[in-house]
């Protein structure tokens, strides 16, 4: 049993802001996992999976750059 948590951003948030936030989360996976045991299974490679809506262009750009999305 598990769940996904998402960070949602309004489409009006600038692309570079969402790109930078996504990058920081990706690069800080060890720190995020250390914050609370509920984050133990946080896996940056799955950050773009199962999202219930469209990806923000900034997040999509980052995911493509690191190869999470093709």
N, C-alpha and C. Protein backbone atom coordinates (compact mmCIF):
# COMPACT_ATOMS: atom_id res chain seq x y z
N UNK A 1 0.84 -1.18 0.00
CA UNK A 1 0.00 0.00 0.00
C UNK A 1 0.88 1.23 0.00
N UNK A 2 0.52 2.20 -0.76
CA UNK A 2 1.29 3.43 -0.81
C UNK A 2 0.49 4.51 -1.47
N UNK A 3 1.08 5.66 -1.57
CA UNK A 3 0.43 6.78 -2.23
C UNK A 3 1.47 7.67 -2.87
N UNK A 4 1.02 8.47 -3.79
CA UNK A 4 1.88 9.45 -4.42
C UNK A 4 1.55 10.81 -3.84
N UNK A 5 2.55 11.62 -3.70
CA UNK A 5 2.34 13.01 -3.32
C UNK A 5 2.77 13.86 -4.49
N UNK A 6 2.11 14.95 -4.69
CA UNK A 6 2.40 15.80 -5.84
C UNK A 6 2.59 17.23 -5.39
N UNK A 7 3.37 17.94 -6.16
CA UNK A 7 3.47 19.38 -6.02
C UNK A 7 2.74 19.96 -7.22
N UNK A 8 1.73 20.74 -6.97
CA UNK A 8 0.94 21.32 -8.05
C UNK A 8 1.33 22.79 -8.21
N UNK A 9 1.34 23.24 -9.45
CA UNK A 9 1.65 24.63 -9.74
C UNK A 9 0.66 25.16 -10.76
N UNK A 10 0.23 26.35 -10.55
CA UNK A 10 -0.63 27.03 -11.51
C UNK A 10 0.13 27.19 -12.82
N UNK A 11 -0.56 27.09 -13.90
CA UNK A 11 0.10 27.22 -15.21
C UNK A 11 0.73 28.60 -15.41
N UNK A 12 0.34 29.57 -14.60
CA UNK A 12 0.90 30.92 -14.71
C UNK A 12 2.23 31.09 -13.97
N UNK A 13 2.63 30.09 -13.18
CA UNK A 13 3.93 30.16 -12.53
C UNK A 13 4.99 30.06 -13.62
N UNK A 14 5.98 30.95 -13.60
CA UNK A 14 6.99 30.94 -14.66
C UNK A 14 7.69 29.58 -14.79
N UNK A 15 7.98 29.24 -16.03
CA UNK A 15 8.60 27.95 -16.33
C UNK A 15 9.90 27.75 -15.57
N UNK A 16 10.73 28.78 -15.47
CA UNK A 16 12.02 28.62 -14.79
C UNK A 16 11.86 28.36 -13.30
N UNK A 17 10.82 28.88 -12.68
CA UNK A 17 10.57 28.65 -11.26
C UNK A 17 10.24 27.17 -11.02
N UNK A 18 9.34 26.62 -11.82
CA UNK A 18 8.96 25.22 -11.67
C UNK A 18 10.12 24.31 -12.05
N UNK A 19 10.86 24.66 -13.07
CA UNK A 19 12.05 23.90 -13.46
C UNK A 19 13.02 23.81 -12.29
N UNK A 20 13.32 24.96 -11.67
CA UNK A 20 14.27 24.99 -10.56
C UNK A 20 13.76 24.19 -9.35
N UNK A 21 12.48 24.29 -9.04
CA UNK A 21 11.91 23.53 -7.93
C UNK A 21 12.01 22.03 -8.19
N UNK A 22 11.66 21.62 -9.40
CA UNK A 22 11.73 20.21 -9.76
C UNK A 22 13.17 19.70 -9.69
N UNK A 23 14.09 20.50 -10.18
CA UNK A 23 15.51 20.13 -10.14
C UNK A 23 15.99 19.98 -8.70
N UNK A 24 15.60 20.90 -7.84
CA UNK A 24 16.02 20.82 -6.44
C UNK A 24 15.47 19.58 -5.75
N UNK A 25 14.24 19.25 -6.03
CA UNK A 25 13.66 18.03 -5.44
C UNK A 25 14.40 16.80 -5.95
N UNK A 26 14.69 16.76 -7.22
CA UNK A 26 15.40 15.64 -7.83
C UNK A 26 16.79 15.48 -7.22
N UNK A 27 17.49 16.60 -7.10
CA UNK A 27 18.86 16.56 -6.60
C UNK A 27 18.95 16.40 -5.08
N UNK A 28 17.85 16.59 -4.38
CA UNK A 28 17.83 16.51 -2.91
C UNK A 28 17.14 15.26 -2.40
N UNK A 29 17.11 14.22 -3.20
CA UNK A 29 16.38 13.00 -2.83
C UNK A 29 16.84 12.45 -1.49
N UNK A 30 18.13 12.40 -1.24
CA UNK A 30 18.63 11.87 0.04
C UNK A 30 18.14 12.72 1.20
N UNK A 31 18.18 14.01 1.05
CA UNK A 31 17.70 14.91 2.11
C UNK A 31 16.20 14.75 2.33
N UNK A 32 15.45 14.66 1.25
CA UNK A 32 14.00 14.48 1.37
C UNK A 32 13.69 13.18 2.12
N UNK A 33 14.38 12.10 1.77
CA UNK A 33 14.15 10.83 2.45
C UNK A 33 14.49 10.90 3.93
N UNK A 34 15.45 11.74 4.29
CA UNK A 34 15.87 11.84 5.69
C UNK A 34 14.92 12.68 6.55
N UNK A 35 14.00 13.40 5.94
CA UNK A 35 13.13 14.30 6.68
C UNK A 35 12.08 13.57 7.52
N UNK A 36 11.55 12.49 6.98
CA UNK A 36 10.50 11.74 7.68
C UNK A 36 10.39 10.36 7.05
N UNK A 37 10.08 9.38 7.86
CA UNK A 37 10.02 8.01 7.33
C UNK A 37 8.98 7.82 6.23
N UNK A 38 7.99 8.69 6.18
CA UNK A 38 7.00 8.58 5.11
C UNK A 38 7.60 8.87 3.74
N UNK A 39 8.79 9.47 3.71
CA UNK A 39 9.48 9.76 2.45
C UNK A 39 10.54 8.71 2.11
N UNK A 40 10.62 7.64 2.89
CA UNK A 40 11.66 6.63 2.67
C UNK A 40 11.69 6.08 1.25
N UNK A 41 10.55 5.99 0.62
CA UNK A 41 10.49 5.42 -0.73
C UNK A 41 10.51 6.47 -1.83
N UNK A 42 10.82 7.72 -1.47
CA UNK A 42 10.90 8.77 -2.49
C UNK A 42 11.97 8.41 -3.50
N UNK A 43 11.56 8.32 -4.75
CA UNK A 43 12.47 7.95 -5.83
C UNK A 43 12.37 8.99 -6.94
N UNK A 44 13.42 9.77 -7.15
CA UNK A 44 13.37 10.81 -8.17
C UNK A 44 13.01 10.29 -9.56
N UNK A 45 13.36 9.04 -9.84
CA UNK A 45 13.05 8.48 -11.16
C UNK A 45 11.55 8.31 -11.39
N UNK A 46 10.77 8.33 -10.31
CA UNK A 46 9.33 8.15 -10.47
C UNK A 46 8.57 9.47 -10.26
N UNK A 47 9.27 10.58 -10.24
CA UNK A 47 8.63 11.87 -9.98
C UNK A 47 7.59 12.24 -11.03
N UNK A 48 7.71 11.75 -12.23
CA UNK A 48 6.78 12.15 -13.29
C UNK A 48 5.78 11.05 -13.63
N UNK A 49 5.68 10.04 -12.79
CA UNK A 49 4.76 8.95 -13.10
C UNK A 49 3.47 9.09 -12.32
N UNK A 50 2.39 8.69 -12.93
CA UNK A 50 1.11 8.65 -12.26
C UNK A 50 0.49 9.99 -11.94
N UNK A 51 1.00 11.04 -12.50
CA UNK A 51 0.45 12.36 -12.20
C UNK A 51 -0.94 12.48 -12.81
N UNK A 52 -1.91 12.99 -12.03
CA UNK A 52 -3.30 13.00 -12.50
C UNK A 52 -3.68 14.12 -13.46
N UNK A 53 -2.73 14.91 -13.89
CA UNK A 53 -3.06 16.00 -14.80
C UNK A 53 -1.87 16.32 -15.68
N UNK A 54 -1.96 17.38 -16.43
CA UNK A 54 -0.83 17.76 -17.30
C UNK A 54 0.35 18.25 -16.48
N UNK A 55 1.54 17.97 -16.98
CA UNK A 55 2.75 18.47 -16.33
C UNK A 55 2.94 19.93 -16.69
N UNK A 56 3.46 20.68 -15.74
CA UNK A 56 3.83 22.07 -16.00
C UNK A 56 5.01 22.04 -16.98
N UNK A 57 5.06 22.95 -17.94
CA UNK A 57 6.16 22.95 -18.91
C UNK A 57 7.55 22.97 -18.27
N UNK A 58 7.71 23.64 -17.15
CA UNK A 58 9.01 23.67 -16.48
C UNK A 58 9.42 22.31 -15.95
N UNK A 59 8.47 21.59 -15.34
CA UNK A 59 8.75 20.25 -14.85
C UNK A 59 9.00 19.30 -16.01
N UNK A 60 8.19 19.41 -17.04
CA UNK A 60 8.36 18.54 -18.20
C UNK A 60 9.74 18.73 -18.83
N UNK A 61 10.17 19.96 -18.94
CA UNK A 61 11.50 20.23 -19.51
C UNK A 61 12.59 19.56 -18.69
N UNK A 62 12.52 19.68 -17.35
CA UNK A 62 13.53 19.05 -16.51
C UNK A 62 13.49 17.53 -16.65
N UNK A 63 12.30 16.94 -16.58
CA UNK A 63 12.18 15.49 -16.69
C UNK A 63 12.75 14.98 -18.01
N UNK A 64 12.56 15.72 -19.08
CA UNK A 64 13.13 15.32 -20.38
C UNK A 64 14.65 15.42 -20.36
N UNK A 65 15.17 16.47 -19.74
CA UNK A 65 16.63 16.65 -19.68
C UNK A 65 17.33 15.52 -18.94
N UNK A 66 16.71 15.02 -17.87
CA UNK A 66 17.36 13.95 -17.10
C UNK A 66 16.95 12.56 -17.56
N UNK A 67 16.08 12.49 -18.57
CA UNK A 67 15.72 11.20 -19.15
C UNK A 67 14.56 10.48 -18.49
N UNK A 68 13.83 11.15 -17.61
CA UNK A 68 12.67 10.52 -16.99
C UNK A 68 11.54 10.42 -18.01
N UNK A 69 11.42 11.42 -18.85
CA UNK A 69 10.46 11.40 -19.96
C UNK A 69 11.22 11.35 -21.26
N UNK A 70 10.66 10.70 -22.24
CA UNK A 70 11.30 10.63 -23.56
C UNK A 70 10.82 11.76 -24.43
